[in-house]
Amino acid sequence: MKLNNRRSNIQIIAEMLRTGENGAGKTKFMYNNNMSYTQLQKYMSFLINNGFISQVYVGNPKVTYQVTDTGSKLLRSIDSVTEILGWFEE
């Protein structure tokens, strides 16, 4: 059962964590998750400030964002809950 057509905050966070599993830049996060720069900044700040994603400097000035161990645990928890509830299935 899909509750509505809009993505929830939890669904967006899970999608962002999936994108960052192998490291990604801001542009990849925006395109993979179909979000505006403003939305990206909001969610990225939340994820970084809570230790779910970290910044990795791979050159000057290139920054890549990588999911942390805590972020991986969060993603697994979200996946478990959504599977049990049958949420977000198309």
PDB file of N, CA and C in Angstrom:
ATOM      1  N   MET A   1       0.845  -1.179   0.000  1.00  0.00           N
ATOM      2  CA  MET A   1       0.000   0.000   0.000  1.00  0.00           C
ATOM      3  C   MET A   1       0.881   1.229   0.000  1.00  0.00           C
ATOM      4  N   LYS A   2       0.670   2.093  -0.933  1.00  0.00           N
ATOM      5  CA  LYS A   2       1.384   3.354  -0.981  1.00  0.00           C
ATOM      6  C   LYS A   2       0.479   4.400  -0.346  1.00  0.00           C
ATOM      7  N   LEU A   3       0.983   5.077   0.674  1.00  0.00           N
ATOM      8  CA  LEU A   3       0.137   5.990   1.435  1.00  0.00           C
ATOM      9  C   LEU A   3      -0.226   7.246   0.663  1.00  0.00           C
ATOM     10  N   ASN A   4       0.723   7.797  -0.076  1.00  0.00           N
ATOM     11  CA  ASN A   4       0.444   8.959  -0.908  1.00  0.00           C
ATOM     12  C   ASN A   4       1.502   9.040  -1.996  1.00  0.00           C
ATOM     13  N   ASN A   5       1.353   9.999  -2.890  1.00  0.00           N
ATOM     14  CA  ASN A   5       2.295  10.120  -4.004  1.00  0.00           C
ATOM     15  C   ASN A   5       3.567  10.853  -3.624  1.00  0.00           C
ATOM     16  N   ARG A   6       3.555  11.552  -2.526  1.00  0.00           N
ATOM     17  CA  ARG A   6       4.736  12.300  -2.106  1.00  0.00           C
ATOM     18  C   ARG A   6       5.643  11.420  -1.257  1.00  0.00           C
ATOM     19  N   ARG A   7       6.928  11.644  -1.387  1.00  0.00           N
ATOM     20  CA  ARG A   7       7.880  10.888  -0.579  1.00  0.00           C
ATOM     21  C   ARG A   7       7.913  11.455   0.837  1.00  0.00           C
ATOM     22  N   SER A   8       8.052  10.579   1.791  1.00  0.00           N
ATOM     23  CA  SER A   8       8.193  11.025   3.177  1.00  0.00           C
ATOM     24  C   SER A   8       9.649  11.387   3.432  1.00  0.00           C
ATOM     25  N   ASN A   9       9.888  12.082   4.544  1.00  0.00           N
ATOM     26  CA  ASN A   9      11.255  12.404   4.939  1.00  0.00           C
ATOM     27  C   ASN A   9      12.082  11.131   5.089  1.00  0.00           C
ATOM     28  N   ILE A  10      11.486  10.110   5.657  1.00  0.00           N
ATOM     29  CA  ILE A  10      12.207   8.852   5.869  1.00  0.00           C
ATOM     30  C   ILE A  10      12.586   8.219   4.531  1.00  0.00           C
ATOM     31  N   GLN A  11      11.689   8.257   3.579  1.00  0.00           N
ATOM     32  CA  GLN A  11      11.984   7.687   2.272  1.00  0.00           C
ATOM     33  C   GLN A  11      13.106   8.467   1.579  1.00  0.00           C
ATOM     34  N   ILE A  12      13.074   9.778   1.672  1.00  0.00           N
ATOM     35  CA  ILE A  12      14.126  10.604   1.067  1.00  0.00           C
ATOM     36  C   ILE A  12      15.468  10.309   1.729  1.00  0.00           C
ATOM     37  N   ILE A  13      15.477  10.207   3.051  1.00  0.00           N
ATOM     38  CA  ILE A  13      16.713   9.903   3.776  1.00  0.00           C
ATOM     39  C   ILE A  13      17.260   8.542   3.335  1.00  0.00           C
ATOM     40  N   ALA A  14      16.399   7.546   3.226  1.00  0.00           N
ATOM     41  CA  ALA A  14      16.843   6.217   2.790  1.00  0.00           C
ATOM     42  C   ALA A  14      17.432   6.277   1.382  1.00  0.00           C
ATOM     43  N   GLU A  15      16.794   7.011   0.483  1.00  0.00           N
ATOM     44  CA  GLU A  15      17.289   7.140  -0.885  1.00  0.00           C
ATOM     45  C   GLU A  15      18.651   7.833  -0.902  1.00  0.00           C
ATOM     46  N   MET A  16      18.807   8.848  -0.076  1.00  0.00           N
ATOM     47  CA  MET A  16      20.096   9.551  -0.015  1.00  0.00           C
ATOM     48  C   MET A  16      21.185   8.638   0.550  1.00  0.00           C
ATOM     49  N   LEU A  17      20.854   7.862   1.564  1.00  0.00           N
ATOM     50  CA  LEU A  17      21.842   6.942   2.133  1.00  0.00           C
ATOM     51  C   LEU A  17      22.260   5.895   1.098  1.00  0.00           C
ATOM     52  N   ARG A  18      21.322   5.424   0.295  1.00  0.00           N
ATOM     53  CA  ARG A  18      21.662   4.460  -0.759  1.00  0.00           C
ATOM     54  C   ARG A  18      22.615   5.097  -1.774  1.00  0.00           C
ATOM     55  N   THR A  19      22.343   6.344  -2.121  1.00  0.00           N
ATOM     56  CA  THR A  19      23.196   7.053  -3.081  1.00  0.00           C
ATOM     57  C   THR A  19      24.615   7.201  -2.539  1.00  0.00           C
ATOM     58  N   GLY A  20      24.741   7.445  -1.245  1.00  0.00           N
ATOM     59  CA  GLY A  20      26.050   7.686  -0.652  1.00  0.00           C
ATOM     60  C   GLY A  20      26.810   6.449  -0.220  1.00  0.00           C
ATOM     61  N   GLU A  21      26.253   5.277  -0.450  1.00  0.00           N
ATOM     62  CA  GLU A  21      26.938   4.049  -0.013  1.00  0.00           C
ATOM     63  C   GLU A  21      28.317   3.891  -0.657  1.00  0.00           C
ATOM     64  N   ASN A  22      28.451   4.282  -1.909  1.00  0.00           N
ATOM     65  CA  ASN A  22      29.732   4.166  -2.608  1.00  0.00           C
ATOM     66  C   ASN A  22      30.407   5.520  -2.795  1.00  0.00           C
ATOM     67  N   GLY A  23      29.905   6.531  -2.094  1.00  0.00           N
ATOM     68  CA  GLY A  23      30.450   7.878  -2.215  1.00  0.00           C
ATOM     69  C   GLY A  23      29.830   8.596  -3.402  1.00  0.00           C
ATOM     70  N   ALA A  24      29.480   9.845  -3.207  1.00  0.00           N
ATOM     71  CA  ALA A  24      28.859  10.628  -4.272  1.00  0.00           C
ATOM     72  C   ALA A  24      29.027  12.114  -3.974  1.00  0.00           C
ATOM     73  N   GLY A  25      29.019  12.899  -5.032  1.00  0.00           N
ATOM     74  CA  GLY A  25      29.044  14.348  -4.899  1.00  0.00           C
ATOM     75  C   GLY A  25      27.628  14.888  -4.829  1.00  0.00           C
ATOM     76  N   LYS A  26      27.517  16.182  -4.569  1.00  0.00           N
ATOM     77  CA  LYS A  26      26.190  16.794  -4.428  1.00  0.00           C
ATOM     78  C   LYS A  26      25.338  16.647  -5.689  1.00  0.00           C
ATOM     79  N   THR A  27      25.962  16.767  -6.851  1.00  0.00           N
ATOM     80  CA  THR A  27      25.201  16.673  -8.100  1.00  0.00           C
ATOM     81  C   THR A  27      24.567  15.299  -8.238  1.00  0.00           C
ATOM     82  N   LYS A  28      25.326  14.255  -7.918  1.00  0.00           N
ATOM     83  CA  LYS A  28      24.782  12.894  -8.010  1.00  0.00           C
ATOM     84  C   LYS A  28      23.624  12.714  -7.033  1.00  0.00           C
ATOM     85  N   PHE A  29      23.761  13.251  -5.810  1.00  0.00           N
ATOM     86  CA  PHE A  29      22.665  13.180  -4.847  1.00  0.00           C
ATOM     87  C   PHE A  29      21.421  13.867  -5.407  1.00  0.00           C
ATOM     88  N   MET A  30      21.592  15.054  -5.995  1.00  0.00           N
ATOM     89  CA  MET A  30      20.448  15.801  -6.525  1.00  0.00           C
ATOM     90  C   MET A  30      19.745  15.029  -7.636  1.00  0.00           C
ATOM     91  N   TYR A  31      20.516  14.524  -8.596  1.00  0.00           N
ATOM     92  CA  TYR A  31      19.915  13.841  -9.741  1.00  0.00           C
ATOM     93  C   TYR A  31      19.351  12.473  -9.371  1.00  0.00           C
ATOM     94  N   ASN A  32      20.086  11.692  -8.594  1.00  0.00           N
ATOM     95  CA  ASN A  32      19.602  10.359  -8.219  1.00  0.00           C
ATOM     96  C   ASN A  32      18.336  10.415  -7.375  1.00  0.00           C
ATOM     97  N   ASN A  33      18.196  11.471  -6.592  1.00  0.00           N
ATOM     98  CA  ASN A  33      17.075  11.567  -5.667  1.00  0.00           C
ATOM     99  C   ASN A  33      16.032  12.588  -6.084  1.00  0.00           C
ATOM    100  N   ASN A  34      16.187  13.130  -7.291  1.00  0.00           N
ATOM    101  CA  ASN A  34      15.204  14.061  -7.857  1.00  0.00           C
ATOM    102  C   ASN A  34      14.845  15.160  -6.869  1.00  0.00           C
ATOM    103  N   MET A  35      15.855  15.948  -6.487  1.00  0.00           N
ATOM    104  CA  MET A  35      15.615  16.998  -5.502  1.00  0.00           C
ATOM    105  C   MET A  35      16.274  18.294  -5.925  1.00  0.00           C
ATOM    106  N   SER A  36      15.766  19.386  -5.392  1.00  0.00           N
ATOM    107  CA  SER A  36      16.333  20.696  -5.660  1.00  0.00           C
ATOM    108  C   SER A  36      17.570  20.905  -4.775  1.00  0.00           C
ATOM    109  N   TYR A  37      18.341  21.930  -5.098  1.00  0.00           N
ATOM    110  CA  TYR A  37      19.529  22.231  -4.296  1.00  0.00           C
ATOM    111  C   TYR A  37      19.127  22.586  -2.863  1.00  0.00           C
ATOM    112  N   THR A  38      18.012  23.300  -2.704  1.00  0.00           N
ATOM    113  CA  THR A  38      17.536  23.667  -1.370  1.00  0.00           C
ATOM    114  C   THR A  38      17.194  22.417  -0.557  1.00  0.00           C
ATOM    115  N   GLN A  39      16.485  21.484  -1.171  1.00  0.00           N
ATOM    116  CA  GLN A  39      16.167  20.221  -0.483  1.00  0.00           C
ATOM    117  C   GLN A  39      17.442  19.466  -0.135  1.00  0.00           C
ATOM    118  N   LEU A  40      18.378  19.420  -1.077  1.00  0.00           N
ATOM    119  CA  LEU A  40      19.642  18.725  -0.852  1.00  0.00           C
ATOM    120  C   LEU A  40      20.348  19.298   0.371  1.00  0.00           C
ATOM    121  N   GLN A  41      20.436  20.612   0.452  1.00  0.00           N
ATOM    122  CA  GLN A  41      21.118  21.262   1.576  1.00  0.00           C
ATOM    123  C   GLN A  41      20.454  20.892   2.900  1.00  0.00           C
ATOM    124  N   LYS A  42      19.129  20.892   2.925  1.00  0.00           N
ATOM    125  CA  LYS A  42      18.385  20.574   4.147  1.00  0.00           C
ATOM    126  C   LYS A  42      18.684  19.149   4.613  1.00  0.00           C
ATOM    127  N   TYR A  43      18.536  18.192   3.715  1.00  0.00           N
ATOM    128  CA  TYR A  43      18.738  16.787   4.088  1.00  0.00           C
ATOM    129  C   TYR A  43      20.208  16.474   4.338  1.00  0.00           C
ATOM    130  N   MET A  44      21.103  17.047   3.525  1.00  0.00           N
ATOM    131  CA  MET A  44      22.530  16.803   3.707  1.00  0.00           C
ATOM    132  C   MET A  44      22.990  17.329   5.065  1.00  0.00           C
ATOM    133  N   SER A  45      22.519  18.497   5.450  1.00  0.00           N
ATOM    134  CA  SER A  45      22.871  19.051   6.770  1.00  0.00           C
ATOM    135  C   SER A  45      22.415  18.116   7.880  1.00  0.00           C
ATOM    136  N   PHE A  46      21.188  17.624   7.770  1.00  0.00           N
ATOM    137  CA  PHE A  46      20.667  16.695   8.777  1.00  0.00           C
ATOM    138  C   PHE A  46      21.534  15.440   8.852  1.00  0.00           C
ATOM    139  N   LEU A  47      21.836  14.857   7.701  1.00  0.00           N
ATOM    140  CA  LEU A  47      22.590  13.605   7.664  1.00  0.00           C
ATOM    141  C   LEU A  47      24.020  13.779   8.183  1.00  0.00           C
ATOM    142  N   ILE A  48      24.653  14.884   7.838  1.00  0.00           N
ATOM    143  CA  ILE A  48      26.025  15.146   8.300  1.00  0.00           C
ATOM    144  C   ILE A  48      26.033  15.450   9.794  1.00  0.00           C
ATOM    145  N   ASN A  49      25.124  16.332  10.234  1.00  0.00           N
ATOM    146  CA  ASN A  49      25.096  16.734  11.643  1.00  0.00           C
ATOM    147  C   ASN A  49      24.781  15.580  12.587  1.00  0.00           C
ATOM    148  N   ASN A  50      24.097  14.559  12.085  1.00  0.00           N
ATOM    149  CA  ASN A  50      23.754  13.402  12.909  1.00  0.00           C
ATOM    150  C   ASN A  50      24.695  12.219  12.691  1.00  0.00           C
ATOM    151  N   GLY A  51      25.743  12.416  11.908  1.00  0.00           N
ATOM    152  CA  GLY A  51      26.759  11.388  11.730  1.00  0.00           C
ATOM    153  C   GLY A  51      26.375  10.244  10.809  1.00  0.00           C
ATOM    154  N   PHE A  52      25.384  10.459   9.932  1.00  0.00           N
ATOM    155  CA  PHE A  52      24.961   9.408   9.015  1.00  0.00           C
ATOM    156  C   PHE A  52      25.742   9.442   7.700  1.00  0.00           C
ATOM    157  N   ILE A  53      26.261  10.614   7.368  1.00  0.00           N
ATOM    158  CA  ILE A  53      27.082  10.805   6.166  1.00  0.00           C
ATOM    159  C   ILE A  53      28.267  11.672   6.574  1.00  0.00           C
ATOM    160  N   SER A  54      29.427  11.388   5.989  1.00  0.00           N
ATOM    161  CA  SER A  54      30.604  12.217   6.272  1.00  0.00           C
ATOM    162  C   SER A  54      31.162  12.769   4.969  1.00  0.00           C
ATOM    163  N   GLN A  55      31.877  13.879   5.091  1.00  0.00           N
ATOM    164  CA  GLN A  55      32.532  14.484   3.943  1.00  0.00           C
ATOM    165  C   GLN A  55      33.903  13.845   3.780  1.00  0.00           C
ATOM    166  N   VAL A  56      34.236  13.506   2.541  1.00  0.00           N
ATOM    167  CA  VAL A  56      35.543  12.948   2.231  1.00  0.00           C
ATOM    168  C   VAL A  56      36.172  13.861   1.181  1.00  0.00           C
ATOM    169  N   TYR A  57      37.324  14.401   1.483  1.00  0.00           N
ATOM    170  CA  TYR A  57      37.999  15.294   0.540  1.00  0.00           C
ATOM    171  C   TYR A  57      38.892  14.459  -0.365  1.00  0.00           C
ATOM    172  N   VAL A  58      38.601  14.483  -1.658  1.00  0.00           N
ATOM    173  CA  VAL A  58      39.326  13.642  -2.599  1.00  0.00           C
ATOM    174  C   VAL A  58      40.153  14.462  -3.583  1.00  0.00           C
ATOM    175  N   GLY A  59      40.286  15.713  -3.331  1.00  0.00           N
ATOM    176  CA  GLY A  59      41.055  16.588  -4.207  1.00  0.00           C
ATOM    177  C   GLY A  59      40.710  18.019  -3.874  1.00  0.00           C
ATOM    178  N   ASN A  60      41.400  18.925  -4.463  1.00  0.00           N
ATOM    179  CA  ASN A  60      41.150  20.324  -4.147  1.00  0.00           C
ATOM    180  C   ASN A  60      40.342  20.948  -5.263  1.00  0.00           C
ATOM    181  N   PRO A  61      39.112  21.366  -5.057  1.00  0.00           N
ATOM    182  CA  PRO A  61      38.340  21.397  -3.811  1.00  0.00           C
ATOM    183  C   PRO A  61      37.276  20.325  -3.748  1.00  0.00           C
ATOM    184  N   LYS A  62      37.417  19.250  -4.511  1.00  0.00           N
ATOM    185  CA  LYS A  62      36.346  18.256  -4.635  1.00  0.00           C
ATOM    186  C   LYS A  62      36.039  17.551  -3.313  1.00  0.00           C
ATOM    187  N   VAL A  63      34.740  17.489  -3.017  1.00  0.00           N
ATOM    188  CA  VAL A  63      34.263  16.831  -1.807  1.00  0.00           C
ATOM    189  C   VAL A  63      33.293  15.727  -2.222  1.00  0.00           C
ATOM    190  N   THR A  64      33.457  14.568  -1.631  1.00  0.00           N
ATOM    191  CA  THR A  64      32.539  13.455  -1.832  1.00  0.00           C
ATOM    192  C   THR A  64      31.904  13.147  -0.482  1.00  0.00           C
ATOM    193  N   TYR A  65      30.685  12.672  -0.520  1.00  0.00           N
ATOM    194  CA  TYR A  65      29.965  12.337   0.702  1.00  0.00           C
ATOM    195  C   TYR A  65      29.810  10.824   0.764  1.00  0.00           C
ATOM    196  N   GLN A  66      30.123  10.255   1.915  1.00  0.00           N
ATOM    197  CA  GLN A  66      30.141   8.805   2.107  1.00  0.00           C
ATOM    198  C   GLN A  66      29.286   8.441   3.317  1.00  0.00           C
ATOM    199  N   VAL A  67      28.495   7.389   3.194  1.00  0.00           N
ATOM    200  CA  VAL A  67      27.683   6.915   4.311  1.00  0.00           C
ATOM    201  C   VAL A  67      28.608   6.350   5.391  1.00  0.00           C
ATOM    202  N   THR A  68      28.325   6.668   6.635  1.00  0.00           N
ATOM    203  CA  THR A  68      29.089   6.158   7.773  1.00  0.00           C
ATOM    204  C   THR A  68      28.500   4.812   8.216  1.00  0.00           C
ATOM    205  N   ASP A  69      29.157   4.162   9.168  1.00  0.00           N
ATOM    206  CA  ASP A  69      28.611   2.914   9.719  1.00  0.00           C
ATOM    207  C   ASP A  69      27.242   3.160  10.352  1.00  0.00           C
ATOM    208  N   THR A  70      27.117   4.289  11.040  1.00  0.00           N
ATOM    209  CA  THR A  70      25.830   4.643  11.653  1.00  0.00           C
ATOM    210  C   THR A  70      24.766   4.838  10.582  1.00  0.00           C
ATOM    211  N   GLY A  71      25.143   5.470   9.471  1.00  0.00           N
ATOM    212  CA  GLY A  71      24.213   5.662   8.362  1.00  0.00           C
ATOM    213  C   GLY A  71      23.780   4.349   7.741  1.00  0.00           C
ATOM    214  N   SER A  72      24.713   3.401   7.640  1.00  0.00           N
ATOM    215  CA  SER A  72      24.375   2.076   7.102  1.00  0.00           C
ATOM    216  C   SER A  72      23.393   1.352   8.016  1.00  0.00           C
ATOM    217  N   LYS A  73      23.604   1.484   9.331  1.00  0.00           N
ATOM    218  CA  LYS A  73      22.681   0.871  10.293  1.00  0.00           C
ATOM    219  C   LYS A  73      21.297   1.496  10.166  1.00  0.00           C
ATOM    220  N   LEU A  74      21.251   2.823  10.015  1.00  0.00           N
ATOM    221  CA  LEU A  74      19.973   3.513   9.854  1.00  0.00           C
ATOM    222  C   LEU A  74      19.257   3.022   8.596  1.00  0.00           C
ATOM    223  N   LEU A  75      19.984   2.902   7.492  1.00  0.00           N
ATOM    224  CA  LEU A  75      19.379   2.444   6.244  1.00  0.00           C
ATOM    225  C   LEU A  75      18.813   1.036   6.397  1.00  0.00           C
ATOM    226  N   ARG A  76      19.560   0.144   7.029  1.00  0.00           N
ATOM    227  CA  ARG A  76      19.054  -1.216   7.252  1.00  0.00           C
ATOM    228  C   ARG A  76      17.797  -1.196   8.110  1.00  0.00           C
ATOM    229  N   SER A  77      17.766  -0.335   9.121  1.00  0.00           N
ATOM    230  CA  SER A  77      16.580  -0.227   9.988  1.00  0.00           C
ATOM    231  C   SER A  77      15.378   0.296   9.211  1.00  0.00           C
ATOM    232  N   ILE A  78      15.599   1.323   8.404  1.00  0.00           N
ATOM    233  CA  ILE A  78      14.504   1.874   7.592  1.00  0.00           C
ATOM    234  C   ILE A  78      13.988   0.810   6.633  1.00  0.00           C
ATOM    235  N   ASP A  79      14.905   0.097   5.984  1.00  0.00           N
ATOM    236  CA  ASP A  79      14.492  -0.955   5.047  1.00  0.00           C
ATOM    237  C   ASP A  79      13.679  -2.035   5.751  1.00  0.00           C
ATOM    238  N   SER A  80      14.089  -2.414   6.957  1.00  0.00           N
ATOM    239  CA  SER A  80      13.358  -3.442   7.711  1.00  0.00           C
ATOM    240  C   SER A  80      11.945  -2.985   8.047  1.00  0.00           C
ATOM    241  N   VAL A  81      11.825  -1.773   8.539  1.00  0.00           N
ATOM    242  CA  VAL A  81      10.513  -1.254   8.927  1.00  0.00           C
ATOM    243  C   VAL A  81       9.608  -1.105   7.708  1.00  0.00           C
ATOM    244  N   THR A  82      10.132  -0.546   6.624  1.00  0.00           N
ATOM    245  CA  THR A  82       9.292  -0.344   5.442  1.00  0.00           C
ATOM    246  C   THR A  82       8.890  -1.674   4.819  1.00  0.00           C
ATOM    247  N   GLU A  83       9.763  -2.680   4.907  1.00  0.00           N
ATOM    248  CA  GLU A  83       9.406  -4.005   4.389  1.00  0.00           C
ATOM    249  C   GLU A  83       8.275  -4.615   5.216  1.00  0.00           C
ATOM    250  N   ILE A  84       8.390  -4.515   6.524  1.00  0.00           N
ATOM    251  CA  ILE A  84       7.351  -5.065   7.407  1.00  0.00           C
ATOM    252  C   ILE A  84       6.009  -4.374   7.154  1.00  0.00           C
ATOM    253  N   LEU A  85       6.039  -3.065   6.981  1.00  0.00           N
ATOM    254  CA  LEU A  85       4.804  -2.316   6.782  1.00  0.00           C
ATOM    255  C   LEU A  85       4.314  -2.335   5.348  1.00  0.00           C
ATOM    256  N   GLY A  86       5.180  -2.748   4.413  1.00  0.00           N
ATOM    257  CA  GLY A  86       4.799  -2.768   3.001  1.00  0.00           C
ATOM    258  C   GLY A  86       4.722  -1.387   2.392  1.00  0.00           C
ATOM    259  N   TRP A  87       5.477  -0.448   2.951  1.00  0.00           N
ATOM    260  CA  TRP A  87       5.468   0.935   2.440  1.00  0.00           C
ATOM    261  C   TRP A  87       6.343   1.077   1.209  1.00  0.00           C
ATOM    262  N   PHE A  88       6.068   2.102   0.452  1.00  0.00           N
ATOM    263  CA  PHE A  88       6.876   2.589  -0.659  1.00  0.00           C
ATOM    264  C   PHE A  88       6.968   1.603  -1.810  1.00  0.00           C
ATOM    265  N   GLU A  89       6.104   0.639  -1.855  1.00  0.00           N
ATOM    266  CA  GLU A  89       6.107  -0.274  -2.986  1.00  0.00           C
ATOM    267  C   GLU A  89       5.322   0.355  -4.107  1.00  0.00           C
ATOM    268  N   GLU A  90       5.840   0.217  -5.289  1.00  0.00           N
ATOM    269  CA  GLU A  90       5.174   0.819  -6.462  1.00  0.00           C
ATOM    270  C   GLU A  90       4.068  -0.088  -6.946  1.00  0.00           C
TER     271      GLU A  90
END
